[in-house]
Amino acid sequence: MRIKADFDLCEANGVCVGIAPEFFDLDEDDYLVILAEDVPADKVDEVRQAVAGCPKSALRLE
């Protein structure tokens, strides 16, 4: 699975960072950074929670 983001929707609230910090971060300008697009099988549940927690629905898994 791969993480995809709609950066036009993202408000960089950081919810995803709090849930899955090894996959998401905010840069010094508070823009979302996807640290790893490919999600290993043992981390899918964690990333699904981060995607579901996005208040702007800017994240998805493909």
N, C-alpha and C. Protein backbone atom coordinates (compact mmCIF):
# COMPACT_ATOMS: atom_id res chain seq x y z
N MET A 1 0.84 -1.17 0.00
CA MET A 1 0.00 0.00 0.00
C MET A 1 0.89 1.24 0.00
N ARG A 2 0.32 2.29 -0.58
CA ARG A 2 1.05 3.56 -0.66
C ARG A 2 0.19 4.69 -0.10
N ILE A 3 0.85 5.62 0.56
CA ILE A 3 0.18 6.80 1.09
C ILE A 3 0.14 7.86 0.00
N LYS A 4 -1.02 8.45 -0.17
CA LYS A 4 -1.20 9.56 -1.10
C LYS A 4 -1.82 10.72 -0.33
N ALA A 5 -1.43 11.93 -0.69
CA ALA A 5 -1.96 13.12 -0.02
C ALA A 5 -2.43 14.12 -1.06
N ASP A 6 -3.53 14.78 -0.74
CA ASP A 6 -4.00 15.91 -1.54
C ASP A 6 -3.54 17.16 -0.80
N PHE A 7 -2.44 17.72 -1.26
CA PHE A 7 -1.84 18.85 -0.57
C PHE A 7 -2.67 20.12 -0.68
N ASP A 8 -3.61 20.15 -1.62
CA ASP A 8 -4.52 21.29 -1.70
C ASP A 8 -5.54 21.26 -0.56
N LEU A 9 -5.87 20.08 -0.08
CA LEU A 9 -6.81 19.94 1.03
C LEU A 9 -6.14 20.02 2.40
N CYS A 10 -4.89 19.60 2.46
CA CYS A 10 -4.18 19.48 3.73
C CYS A 10 -4.01 20.85 4.39
N GLU A 11 -4.38 20.92 5.68
CA GLU A 11 -4.18 22.13 6.48
C GLU A 11 -3.04 21.94 7.49
N ALA A 12 -2.32 20.84 7.40
CA ALA A 12 -1.19 20.54 8.28
C ALA A 12 -1.59 20.62 9.75
N ASN A 13 -2.71 20.01 10.08
CA ASN A 13 -3.16 19.96 11.46
C ASN A 13 -2.27 19.05 12.32
N GLY A 14 -1.58 18.12 11.69
CA GLY A 14 -0.64 17.27 12.39
C GLY A 14 -1.24 16.06 13.07
N VAL A 15 -2.51 15.79 12.85
CA VAL A 15 -3.13 14.60 13.45
C VAL A 15 -2.40 13.35 13.00
N CYS A 16 -2.09 13.27 11.72
CA CYS A 16 -1.40 12.09 11.19
C CYS A 16 -0.01 11.94 11.81
N VAL A 17 0.65 13.04 12.07
CA VAL A 17 1.98 13.00 12.70
C VAL A 17 1.89 12.40 14.09
N GLY A 18 0.86 12.76 14.82
CA GLY A 18 0.68 12.22 16.17
C GLY A 18 0.38 10.75 16.19
N ILE A 19 -0.27 10.26 15.14
CA ILE A 19 -0.66 8.84 15.09
C ILE A 19 0.44 7.97 14.48
N ALA A 20 1.06 8.46 13.42
CA ALA A 20 2.06 7.65 12.69
C ALA A 20 3.29 8.51 12.35
N PRO A 21 4.08 8.88 13.36
CA PRO A 21 5.20 9.79 13.13
C PRO A 21 6.33 9.25 12.25
N GLU A 22 6.37 7.95 12.05
CA GLU A 22 7.42 7.43 11.17
C GLU A 22 7.04 7.58 9.69
N PHE A 23 5.80 7.98 9.42
CA PHE A 23 5.34 8.15 8.05
C PHE A 23 5.02 9.60 7.70
N PHE A 24 4.71 10.41 8.72
CA PHE A 24 4.30 11.79 8.48
C PHE A 24 5.08 12.75 9.37
N ASP A 25 5.33 13.94 8.85
CA ASP A 25 5.97 14.99 9.63
C ASP A 25 5.53 16.33 9.06
N LEU A 26 5.79 17.39 9.81
CA LEU A 26 5.56 18.74 9.32
C LEU A 26 6.93 19.41 9.20
N ASP A 27 7.15 20.11 8.09
CA ASP A 27 8.44 20.79 7.94
C ASP A 27 8.44 22.11 8.70
N GLU A 28 9.52 22.85 8.59
CA GLU A 28 9.68 24.09 9.35
C GLU A 28 8.64 25.15 8.98
N ASP A 29 8.01 25.01 7.82
CA ASP A 29 6.96 25.93 7.39
C ASP A 29 5.56 25.36 7.65
N ASP A 30 5.49 24.28 8.42
CA ASP A 30 4.24 23.60 8.76
C ASP A 30 3.51 23.03 7.55
N TYR A 31 4.27 22.49 6.61
CA TYR A 31 3.70 21.75 5.49
C TYR A 31 3.91 20.26 5.73
N LEU A 32 2.92 19.47 5.33
CA LEU A 32 3.01 18.03 5.50
C LEU A 32 4.13 17.44 4.65
N VAL A 33 4.87 16.54 5.27
CA VAL A 33 5.90 15.77 4.58
C VAL A 33 5.58 14.30 4.79
N ILE A 34 5.49 13.55 3.70
CA ILE A 34 5.31 12.10 3.81
C ILE A 34 6.71 11.51 3.83
N LEU A 35 7.07 10.90 4.94
CA LEU A 35 8.42 10.38 5.12
C LEU A 35 8.63 9.06 4.40
N ALA A 36 7.58 8.28 4.26
CA ALA A 36 7.65 6.99 3.58
C ALA A 36 6.29 6.73 2.94
N GLU A 37 6.26 6.67 1.61
CA GLU A 37 4.99 6.43 0.91
C GLU A 37 4.56 4.97 0.98
N ASP A 38 5.52 4.07 0.93
CA ASP A 38 5.20 2.64 0.95
C ASP A 38 5.00 2.19 2.40
N VAL A 39 3.88 1.51 2.64
CA VAL A 39 3.52 1.08 3.99
C VAL A 39 3.70 -0.43 4.09
N PRO A 40 4.59 -0.88 4.98
CA PRO A 40 4.74 -2.32 5.17
C PRO A 40 3.49 -2.91 5.83
N ALA A 41 3.27 -4.18 5.60
CA ALA A 41 2.06 -4.86 6.07
C ALA A 41 1.85 -4.71 7.57
N ASP A 42 2.92 -4.70 8.35
CA ASP A 42 2.77 -4.62 9.80
C ASP A 42 2.44 -3.22 10.30
N LYS A 43 2.42 -2.22 9.41
CA LYS A 43 2.12 -0.84 9.80
C LYS A 43 0.83 -0.32 9.17
N VAL A 44 0.14 -1.15 8.41
CA VAL A 44 -1.06 -0.71 7.70
C VAL A 44 -2.13 -0.20 8.65
N ASP A 45 -2.36 -0.89 9.76
CA ASP A 45 -3.40 -0.46 10.70
C ASP A 45 -3.09 0.92 11.28
N GLU A 46 -1.84 1.15 11.62
CA GLU A 46 -1.42 2.45 12.16
C GLU A 46 -1.65 3.56 11.14
N VAL A 47 -1.27 3.32 9.90
CA VAL A 47 -1.44 4.34 8.86
C VAL A 47 -2.92 4.53 8.52
N ARG A 48 -3.69 3.46 8.54
CA ARG A 48 -5.15 3.60 8.33
C ARG A 48 -5.77 4.52 9.38
N GLN A 49 -5.32 4.39 10.62
CA GLN A 49 -5.82 5.27 11.68
C GLN A 49 -5.45 6.72 11.40
N ALA A 50 -4.23 6.95 10.94
CA ALA A 50 -3.80 8.31 10.62
C ALA A 50 -4.61 8.88 9.46
N VAL A 51 -4.86 8.06 8.44
CA VAL A 51 -5.66 8.50 7.29
C VAL A 51 -7.09 8.82 7.74
N ALA A 52 -7.66 7.94 8.55
CA ALA A 52 -9.03 8.15 9.04
C ALA A 52 -9.13 9.37 9.95
N GLY A 53 -8.05 9.69 10.65
CA GLY A 53 -8.06 10.81 11.58
C GLY A 53 -7.85 12.17 10.94
N CYS A 54 -7.53 12.20 9.67
CA CYS A 54 -7.28 13.48 8.99
C CYS A 54 -8.58 14.30 8.95
N PRO A 55 -8.58 15.49 9.58
CA PRO A 55 -9.81 16.27 9.63
C PRO A 55 -10.25 16.85 8.28
N LYS A 56 -9.38 16.89 7.31
CA LYS A 56 -9.72 17.42 5.98
C LYS A 56 -9.82 16.32 4.92
N SER A 57 -9.69 15.06 5.32
CA SER A 57 -9.72 13.92 4.39
C SER A 57 -8.73 14.11 3.24
N ALA A 58 -7.56 14.58 3.60
CA ALA A 58 -6.53 14.85 2.60
C ALA A 58 -5.61 13.64 2.34
N LEU A 59 -5.78 12.58 3.10
CA LEU A 59 -4.92 11.40 2.97
C LEU A 59 -5.74 10.21 2.50
N ARG A 60 -5.04 9.31 1.77
CA ARG A 60 -5.67 8.06 1.37
C ARG A 60 -4.58 7.00 1.19
N LEU A 61 -5.02 5.76 1.19
CA LEU A 61 -4.13 4.63 0.91
C LEU A 61 -4.55 4.01 -0.41
N GLU A 62 -3.58 3.69 -1.21
CA GLU A 62 -3.84 3.02 -2.50
C GLU A 62 -3.11 1.70 -2.53
